[in-house]
């Protein structure tokens, strides 16, 4: 599961790089190549789509990163597990 989420984060990161790259902060970018603003699906719709795609990819990266972090074992649990494998119980360790 962690491998799938890691691949998802990697792919979303690469796509986010490309999406941000095609944006132009001064209003041009890829959307200016589609013709006049009055055209159906013109500049405004393209800018909205690119903005939504940017935020969606960022959200995917954040959500997947949080899930991966939550699935990691806690340091205390790992130490307890190692000691129980050696034959000690958690109550014996405290004494």
C-alpha atoms as a PDB file:
ATOM      1  CA  UNK A   1       0.000   0.000   0.000  1.00  0.00           C
ATOM      2  CA  UNK A   2       2.824   2.383   0.862  1.00  0.00           C
ATOM      3  CA  UNK A   3       4.482   1.662  -2.482  1.00  0.00           C
ATOM      4  CA  UNK A   4       1.280   2.543  -4.345  1.00  0.00           C
ATOM      5  CA  UNK A   5       0.900   5.774  -2.394  1.00  0.00           C
ATOM      6  CA  UNK A   6       4.552   6.644  -2.982  1.00  0.00           C
ATOM      7  CA  UNK A   7       4.130   6.125  -6.727  1.00  0.00           C
ATOM      8  CA  UNK A   8       0.975   8.270  -6.615  1.00  0.00           C
ATOM      9  CA  UNK A   9       2.889  11.079  -4.891  1.00  0.00           C
ATOM     10  CA  UNK A  10       5.705  10.790  -7.444  1.00  0.00           C
ATOM     11  CA  UNK A  11       3.332  10.920 -10.444  1.00  0.00           C
ATOM     12  CA  UNK A  12       1.309  13.784  -8.969  1.00  0.00           C
ATOM     13  CA  UNK A  13       4.527  15.703  -8.317  1.00  0.00           C
ATOM     14  CA  UNK A  14       5.715  15.298 -11.894  1.00  0.00           C
ATOM     15  CA  UNK A  15       2.313  16.322 -13.263  1.00  0.00           C
ATOM     16  CA  UNK A  16       2.257  19.311 -10.923  1.00  0.00           C
ATOM     17  CA  UNK A  17       5.630  20.441 -12.262  1.00  0.00           C
ATOM     18  CA  UNK A  18       4.283  20.346 -15.819  1.00  0.00           C
ATOM     19  CA  UNK A  19       1.012  22.073 -14.915  1.00  0.00           C
ATOM     20  CA  UNK A  20       2.824  24.889 -13.128  1.00  0.00           C
ATOM     21  CA  UNK A  21       5.300  25.128 -15.995  1.00  0.00           C
ATOM     22  CA  UNK A  22       2.572  25.735 -18.601  1.00  0.00           C
ATOM     23  CA  UNK A  23       1.061  28.528 -16.507  1.00  0.00           C
ATOM     24  CA  UNK A  24       2.226  32.078 -17.099  1.00  0.00           C
ATOM     25  CA  UNK A  25       1.919  34.379 -14.077  1.00  0.00           C
ATOM     26  CA  UNK A  26       1.256  37.367 -16.368  1.00  0.00           C
ATOM     27  CA  UNK A  27      -1.858  35.852 -17.911  1.00  0.00           C
ATOM     28  CA  UNK A  28      -0.398  34.251 -21.041  1.00  0.00           C
ATOM     29  CA  UNK A  29       0.943  30.739 -20.967  1.00  0.00           C
ATOM     30  CA  UNK A  30      -0.665  27.814 -22.715  1.00  0.00           C
ATOM     31  CA  UNK A  31      -4.147  29.307 -22.462  1.00  0.00           C
ATOM     32  CA  UNK A  32      -3.231  32.277 -24.665  1.00  0.00           C
ATOM     33  CA  UNK A  33      -2.632  29.907 -27.585  1.00  0.00           C
ATOM     34  CA  UNK A  34      -6.298  28.942 -27.811  1.00  0.00           C
ATOM     35  CA  UNK A  35      -7.578  32.032 -29.593  1.00  0.00           C
ATOM     36  CA  UNK A  36      -9.950  34.800 -28.626  1.00  0.00           C
ATOM     37  CA  UNK A  37     -11.592  34.945 -25.200  1.00  0.00           C
ATOM     38  CA  UNK A  38     -15.043  34.790 -26.760  1.00  0.00           C
ATOM     39  CA  UNK A  39     -14.352  31.340 -28.138  1.00  0.00           C
ATOM     40  CA  UNK A  40     -16.180  28.457 -26.457  1.00  0.00           C
ATOM     41  CA  UNK A  41     -13.790  26.827 -24.003  1.00  0.00           C
ATOM     42  CA  UNK A  42     -11.335  29.678 -24.469  1.00  0.00           C
ATOM     43  CA  UNK A  43      -8.848  31.327 -22.161  1.00  0.00           C
ATOM     44  CA  UNK A  44     -11.061  31.644 -19.087  1.00  0.00           C
ATOM     45  CA  UNK A  45     -12.111  27.995 -19.104  1.00  0.00           C
ATOM     46  CA  UNK A  46      -8.535  26.859 -19.681  1.00  0.00           C
ATOM     47  CA  UNK A  47      -7.248  28.973 -16.797  1.00  0.00           C
ATOM     48  CA  UNK A  48      -9.948  27.599 -14.498  1.00  0.00           C
ATOM     49  CA  UNK A  49      -9.105  24.026 -15.508  1.00  0.00           C
ATOM     50  CA  UNK A  50      -5.382  24.567 -14.929  1.00  0.00           C
ATOM     51  CA  UNK A  51      -6.066  26.175 -11.536  1.00  0.00           C
ATOM     52  CA  UNK A  52      -8.321  23.313 -10.461  1.00  0.00           C
ATOM     53  CA  UNK A  53      -5.788  20.766 -11.697  1.00  0.00           C
ATOM     54  CA  UNK A  54      -3.006  22.499  -9.764  1.00  0.00           C
ATOM     55  CA  UNK A  55      -4.960  22.473  -6.509  1.00  0.00           C
ATOM     56  CA  UNK A  56      -6.169  18.905  -7.055  1.00  0.00           C
ATOM     57  CA  UNK A  57      -2.650  17.585  -7.613  1.00  0.00           C
ATOM     58  CA  UNK A  58      -1.388  19.469  -4.564  1.00  0.00           C
ATOM     59  CA  UNK A  59      -4.242  18.007  -2.509  1.00  0.00           C
ATOM     60  CA  UNK A  60      -3.431  14.495  -3.698  1.00  0.00           C
ATOM     61  CA  UNK A  61       0.199  14.944  -2.681  1.00  0.00           C
ATOM     62  CA  UNK A  62      -0.751  16.271   0.774  1.00  0.00           C
ATOM     63  CA  UNK A  63      -3.365  13.575   1.443  1.00  0.00           C
ATOM     64  CA  UNK A  64      -1.136  10.710   0.288  1.00  0.00           C
ATOM     65  CA  UNK A  65       1.789  12.053   2.327  1.00  0.00           C
ATOM     66  CA  UNK A  66      -0.349  12.216   5.470  1.00  0.00           C
ATOM     67  CA  UNK A  67      -1.637   8.677   4.916  1.00  0.00           C
ATOM     68  CA  UNK A  68       1.894   7.347   4.379  1.00  0.00           C
ATOM     69  CA  UNK A  69       3.061   9.081   7.557  1.00  0.00           C
ATOM     70  CA  UNK A  70       0.152   7.723   9.603  1.00  0.00           C
ATOM     71  CA  UNK A  71       0.881   4.184   8.422  1.00  0.00           C
ATOM     72  CA  UNK A  72       4.494   4.268   9.639  1.00  0.00           C
ATOM     73  CA  UNK A  73       5.137   2.365  12.866  1.00  0.00           C
ATOM     74  CA  UNK A  74       5.723   4.393  15.993  1.00  0.00           C
ATOM     75  CA  UNK A  75       9.235   4.361  17.452  1.00  0.00           C
ATOM     76  CA  UNK A  76       8.002   3.090  20.817  1.00  0.00           C
ATOM     77  CA  UNK A  77       6.079   0.236  19.235  1.00  0.00           C
ATOM     78  CA  UNK A  78       9.099  -0.798  17.192  1.00  0.00           C
ATOM     79  CA  UNK A  79      11.292  -0.886  20.316  1.00  0.00           C
ATOM     80  CA  UNK A  80       8.681  -2.879  22.228  1.00  0.00           C
ATOM     81  CA  UNK A  81       8.296  -5.303  19.345  1.00  0.00           C
ATOM     82  CA  UNK A  82      12.049  -5.867  19.170  1.00  0.00           C
ATOM     83  CA  UNK A  83      12.216  -6.586  22.917  1.00  0.00           C
ATOM     84  CA  UNK A  84       9.222  -8.945  22.830  1.00  0.00           C
ATOM     85  CA  UNK A  85      10.920 -10.853  20.043  1.00  0.00           C
ATOM     86  CA  UNK A  86      13.881 -11.267  22.406  1.00  0.00           C
ATOM     87  CA  UNK A  87      11.570 -12.852  24.948  1.00  0.00           C
ATOM     88  CA  UNK A  88      10.871  -9.919  27.268  1.00  0.00           C
ATOM     89  CA  UNK A  89       7.416  -8.568  27.937  1.00  0.00           C
ATOM     90  CA  UNK A  90       6.735  -4.822  28.225  1.00  0.00           C
ATOM     91  CA  UNK A  91       6.097  -5.241  31.997  1.00  0.00           C
ATOM     92  CA  UNK A  92       9.524  -6.867  32.500  1.00  0.00           C
ATOM     93  CA  UNK A  93      11.197  -3.999  30.690  1.00  0.00           C
ATOM     94  CA  UNK A  94       9.864  -1.402  33.155  1.00  0.00           C
ATOM     95  CA  UNK A  95      11.316  -3.196  36.187  1.00  0.00           C
END
